Amino acid sequence: MKYKKKIYHSIGKRKTSIALAYIINNNKNKNNKIIINNKKINNYFNNNMIFKKKIYYPLELTDNLKKFNFFIKVKGGGLNSQSEAISLAISRILIKINKKFKKILKKKKLLTRDSRIVERKKFGKKKARKKFQFSKR
């Protein structure tokens, strides 16, 4: 399937991570580049397959592994939440490209933003809910 030559962008969030992804279709050469914060994906995630698999998963489902180049800016959080934010951003871009992908991605819950964040610490307590040790005597 041929796509229009256009640049798409989208935002994905998870915990405190924010990922801004740009996508460019790549019809000439059949290798996709994923560049995260001006580094290749292998250098950014230190060849950790778990994080890379999360990023590639929406592309595998829609058969778009070698069709696009990605340029991603991500900040905040750890590597796990960053990879999930990138996955959400990529999923949202794929829907902008082709509306038929929405059914596939929604079934695998890749379009849902996971809004769980860390609960704040309360005063008079050690953490959010943990109390200081009580000494009876």
C-alpha atoms as a PDB file:
ATOM      1  CA  MET A   1       0.000   0.000   0.000  1.00  0.00           C
ATOM      2  CA  LYS A   2       1.386   3.394  -0.954  1.00  0.00           C
ATOM      3  CA  TYR A   3       1.015   6.311   1.414  1.00  0.00           C
ATOM      4  CA  LYS A   4       1.089  10.014   0.719  1.00  0.00           C
ATOM      5  CA  LYS A   5       4.461  11.638   1.301  1.00  0.00           C
ATOM      6  CA  LYS A   6       3.683  13.584   4.438  1.00  0.00           C
ATOM      7  CA  ILE A   7       5.117  14.091   7.904  1.00  0.00           C
ATOM      8  CA  TYR A   8       2.844  13.069  10.765  1.00  0.00           C
ATOM      9  CA  HIS A   9       3.365  13.705  14.469  1.00  0.00           C
ATOM     10  CA  SER A  10       1.754  12.660  17.720  1.00  0.00           C
ATOM     11  CA  ILE A  11       2.256  12.676  21.493  1.00  0.00           C
ATOM     12  CA  GLY A  12       2.259   9.737  23.890  1.00  0.00           C
ATOM     13  CA  LYS A  13       2.337   9.896  27.678  1.00  0.00           C
ATOM     14  CA  ARG A  14       2.950   7.365  30.442  1.00  0.00           C
ATOM     15  CA  LYS A  15       3.627   8.200  34.125  1.00  0.00           C
ATOM     16  CA  THR A  16       5.930  11.235  33.850  1.00  0.00           C
ATOM     17  CA  SER A  17       7.280  10.396  30.376  1.00  0.00           C
ATOM     18  CA  ILE A  18       6.272  12.422  27.349  1.00  0.00           C
ATOM     19  CA  ALA A  19       7.150  11.234  23.843  1.00  0.00           C
ATOM     20  CA  LEU A  20       6.798  13.385  20.725  1.00  0.00           C
ATOM     21  CA  ALA A  21       7.080  11.253  17.590  1.00  0.00           C
ATOM     22  CA  TYR A  22       7.467  12.290  13.955  1.00  0.00           C
ATOM     23  CA  ILE A  23       7.045   9.813  11.114  1.00  0.00           C
ATOM     24  CA  ILE A  24       8.168   9.933   7.499  1.00  0.00           C
ATOM     25  CA  ASN A  25       7.198   7.226   5.003  1.00  0.00           C
ATOM     26  CA  ASN A  26      10.134   5.452   3.448  1.00  0.00           C
ATOM     27  CA  ASN A  27       9.282   4.089  -0.029  1.00  0.00           C
ATOM     28  CA  LYS A  28      12.777   4.285  -1.551  1.00  0.00           C
ATOM     29  CA  ASN A  29      14.843   2.063   0.725  1.00  0.00           C
ATOM     30  CA  LYS A  30      13.292  -0.743   2.752  1.00  0.00           C
ATOM     31  CA  ASN A  31      14.964  -0.155   6.118  1.00  0.00           C
ATOM     32  CA  ASN A  32      13.328   1.777   8.888  1.00  0.00           C
ATOM     33  CA  LYS A  33      15.237   4.101  11.188  1.00  0.00           C
ATOM     34  CA  ILE A  34      14.081   4.834  14.696  1.00  0.00           C
ATOM     35  CA  ILE A  35      16.011   7.712  16.207  1.00  0.00           C
ATOM     36  CA  ILE A  36      15.282   8.591  19.838  1.00  0.00           C
ATOM     37  CA  ASN A  37      16.803  11.818  21.214  1.00  0.00           C
ATOM     38  CA  ASN A  38      19.329  11.890  18.337  1.00  0.00           C
ATOM     39  CA  LYS A  39      20.499   8.319  19.064  1.00  0.00           C
ATOM     40  CA  LYS A  40      19.694   5.073  17.295  1.00  0.00           C
ATOM     41  CA  ILE A  41      17.266   2.799  19.120  1.00  0.00           C
ATOM     42  CA  ASN A  42      20.004   0.224  19.898  1.00  0.00           C
ATOM     43  CA  ASN A  43      22.188   2.862  21.558  1.00  0.00           C
ATOM     44  CA  TYR A  44      19.345   4.498  23.475  1.00  0.00           C
ATOM     45  CA  PHE A  45      18.003   1.295  25.050  1.00  0.00           C
ATOM     46  CA  ASN A  46      21.424  -0.479  25.227  1.00  0.00           C
ATOM     47  CA  ASN A  47      20.184  -3.434  23.119  1.00  0.00           C
ATOM     48  CA  ASN A  48      17.478  -4.249  25.695  1.00  0.00           C
ATOM     49  CA  MET A  49      14.968  -6.312  23.710  1.00  0.00           C
ATOM     50  CA  ILE A  50      12.025  -5.768  26.075  1.00  0.00           C
ATOM     51  CA  PHE A  51      11.874  -2.012  25.472  1.00  0.00           C
ATOM     52  CA  LYS A  52      12.503  -2.342  21.733  1.00  0.00           C
ATOM     53  CA  LYS A  53       9.763  -4.969  21.427  1.00  0.00           C
ATOM     54  CA  LYS A  54       7.252  -2.567  23.021  1.00  0.00           C
ATOM     55  CA  ILE A  55       8.114   0.054  20.414  1.00  0.00           C
ATOM     56  CA  TYR A  56       7.992  -2.339  17.449  1.00  0.00           C
ATOM     57  CA  TYR A  57       4.733  -4.028  18.544  1.00  0.00           C
ATOM     58  CA  PRO A  58       2.247  -1.587  16.900  1.00  0.00           C
ATOM     59  CA  LEU A  59       4.314  -1.709  13.706  1.00  0.00           C
ATOM     60  CA  GLU A  60       4.314  -5.522  13.665  1.00  0.00           C
ATOM     61  CA  LEU A  61       0.543  -5.673  14.129  1.00  0.00           C
ATOM     62  CA  THR A  62      -0.106  -3.359  11.184  1.00  0.00           C
ATOM     63  CA  ASP A  63       2.654  -4.765   8.902  1.00  0.00           C
ATOM     64  CA  ASN A  64       4.532  -1.443   8.756  1.00  0.00           C
ATOM     65  CA  LEU A  65       7.915  -2.528  10.095  1.00  0.00           C
ATOM     66  CA  LYS A  66      10.023  -1.368   7.145  1.00  0.00           C
ATOM     67  CA  LYS A  67       7.903   1.427   5.714  1.00  0.00           C
ATOM     68  CA  PHE A  68       8.593   4.407   7.955  1.00  0.00           C
ATOM     69  CA  ASN A  69      11.359   6.440   9.563  1.00  0.00           C
ATOM     70  CA  PHE A  70      10.736   7.705  13.086  1.00  0.00           C
ATOM     71  CA  PHE A  71      12.243  10.686  14.860  1.00  0.00           C
ATOM     72  CA  ILE A  72      11.283  10.711  18.521  1.00  0.00           C
ATOM     73  CA  LYS A  73      11.934  13.163  21.355  1.00  0.00           C
ATOM     74  CA  VAL A  74      11.244  11.721  24.788  1.00  0.00           C
ATOM     75  CA  LYS A  75      11.817  13.097  28.281  1.00  0.00           C
ATOM     76  CA  GLY A  76      10.964  12.235  31.868  1.00  0.00           C
ATOM     77  CA  GLY A  77      10.480   8.913  33.635  1.00  0.00           C
ATOM     78  CA  GLY A  78      12.469   5.726  33.244  1.00  0.00           C
ATOM     79  CA  LEU A  79      13.186   3.581  30.214  1.00  0.00           C
ATOM     80  CA  ASN A  80      10.066   1.426  30.673  1.00  0.00           C
ATOM     81  CA  SER A  81       7.641   4.339  30.793  1.00  0.00           C
ATOM     82  CA  GLN A  82       9.487   6.034  27.932  1.00  0.00           C
ATOM     83  CA  SER A  83       9.117   2.954  25.725  1.00  0.00           C
ATOM     84  CA  GLU A  84       5.386   2.742  26.519  1.00  0.00           C
ATOM     85  CA  ALA A  85       4.933   6.449  25.761  1.00  0.00           C
ATOM     86  CA  ILE A  86       6.708   5.968  22.419  1.00  0.00           C
ATOM     87  CA  SER A  87       4.475   2.984  21.635  1.00  0.00           C
ATOM     88  CA  LEU A  88       1.358   5.073  22.278  1.00  0.00           C
ATOM     89  CA  ALA A  89       2.657   7.908  20.087  1.00  0.00           C
ATOM     90  CA  ILE A  90       3.443   5.500  17.225  1.00  0.00           C
ATOM     91  CA  SER A  91      -0.008   3.898  17.517  1.00  0.00           C
ATOM     92  CA  ARG A  92      -1.689   7.299  17.303  1.00  0.00           C
ATOM     93  CA  ILE A  93       0.324   8.202  14.204  1.00  0.00           C
ATOM     94  CA  LEU A  94      -0.576   4.942  12.464  1.00  0.00           C
ATOM     95  CA  ILE A  95      -4.267   5.780  12.883  1.00  0.00           C
ATOM     96  CA  LYS A  96      -3.708   9.178  11.268  1.00  0.00           C
ATOM     97  CA  ILE A  97      -2.151   7.400   8.294  1.00  0.00           C
ATOM     98  CA  ASN A  98      -4.804   4.718   7.860  1.00  0.00           C
ATOM     99  CA  LYS A  99      -8.144   4.563   9.714  1.00  0.00           C
ATOM    100  CA  LYS A 100      -8.304   0.752   9.283  1.00  0.00           C
ATOM    101  CA  PHE A 101      -5.491   0.306  11.795  1.00  0.00           C
ATOM    102  CA  LYS A 102      -7.699   1.631  14.598  1.00  0.00           C
ATOM    103  CA  LYS A 103      -9.626  -1.629  14.944  1.00  0.00           C
ATOM    104  CA  ILE A 104      -6.423  -3.711  15.150  1.00  0.00           C
ATOM    105  CA  LEU A 105      -4.664  -1.429  17.630  1.00  0.00           C
ATOM    106  CA  LYS A 106      -7.722  -0.879  19.814  1.00  0.00           C
ATOM    107  CA  LYS A 107      -8.241  -4.633  20.182  1.00  0.00           C
ATOM    108  CA  LYS A 108      -4.705  -4.949  21.622  1.00  0.00           C
ATOM    109  CA  LYS A 109      -5.287  -1.877  23.883  1.00  0.00           C
ATOM    110  CA  LEU A 110      -2.472   0.159  22.320  1.00  0.00           C
ATOM    111  CA  LEU A 111      -4.574   3.329  22.039  1.00  0.00           C
ATOM    112  CA  THR A 112      -5.440   3.599  25.721  1.00  0.00           C
ATOM    113  CA  ARG A 113      -3.369   6.044  27.745  1.00  0.00           C
ATOM    114  CA  ASP A 114      -2.346   4.437  31.020  1.00  0.00           C
ATOM    115  CA  SER A 115      -3.007   7.263  33.469  1.00  0.00           C
ATOM    116  CA  ARG A 116      -1.581   5.629  36.597  1.00  0.00           C
ATOM    117  CA  ILE A 117       1.017   7.839  38.270  1.00  0.00           C
ATOM    118  CA  VAL A 118       2.828   7.717  41.598  1.00  0.00           C
ATOM    119  CA  GLU A 119       0.725   8.833  44.551  1.00  0.00           C
ATOM    120  CA  ARG A 120       2.100  11.871  46.333  1.00  0.00           C
ATOM    121  CA  LYS A 121       3.708  11.680  49.777  1.00  0.00           C
ATOM    122  CA  LYS A 122       1.523  12.921  52.628  1.00  0.00           C
ATOM    123  CA  PHE A 123       2.796  14.919  55.599  1.00  0.00           C
ATOM    124  CA  GLY A 124       3.296  12.990  58.842  1.00  0.00           C
ATOM    125  CA  LYS A 125       3.956   9.755  56.937  1.00  0.00           C
ATOM    126  CA  LYS A 126       7.048   8.028  55.610  1.00  0.00           C
ATOM    127  CA  LYS A 127       5.672   7.583  52.069  1.00  0.00           C
ATOM    128  CA  ALA A 128       2.239   7.992  50.494  1.00  0.00           C
ATOM    129  CA  ARG A 129       0.542   5.484  52.815  1.00  0.00           C
ATOM    130  CA  LYS A 130       3.319   3.949  54.905  1.00  0.00           C
ATOM    131  CA  LYS A 131       3.412   5.200  58.492  1.00  0.00           C
ATOM    132  CA  PHE A 132       6.375   5.621  60.804  1.00  0.00           C
ATOM    133  CA  GLN A 133       7.023   2.681  63.143  1.00  0.00           C
ATOM    134  CA  PHE A 134       4.889   2.855  66.282  1.00  0.00           C
ATOM    135  CA  SER A 135       6.628   2.205  69.612  1.00  0.00           C
ATOM    136  CA  LYS A 136       4.309   1.332  72.464  1.00  0.00           C
ATOM    137  CA  ARG A 137       6.931   1.703  75.232  1.00  0.00           C
END
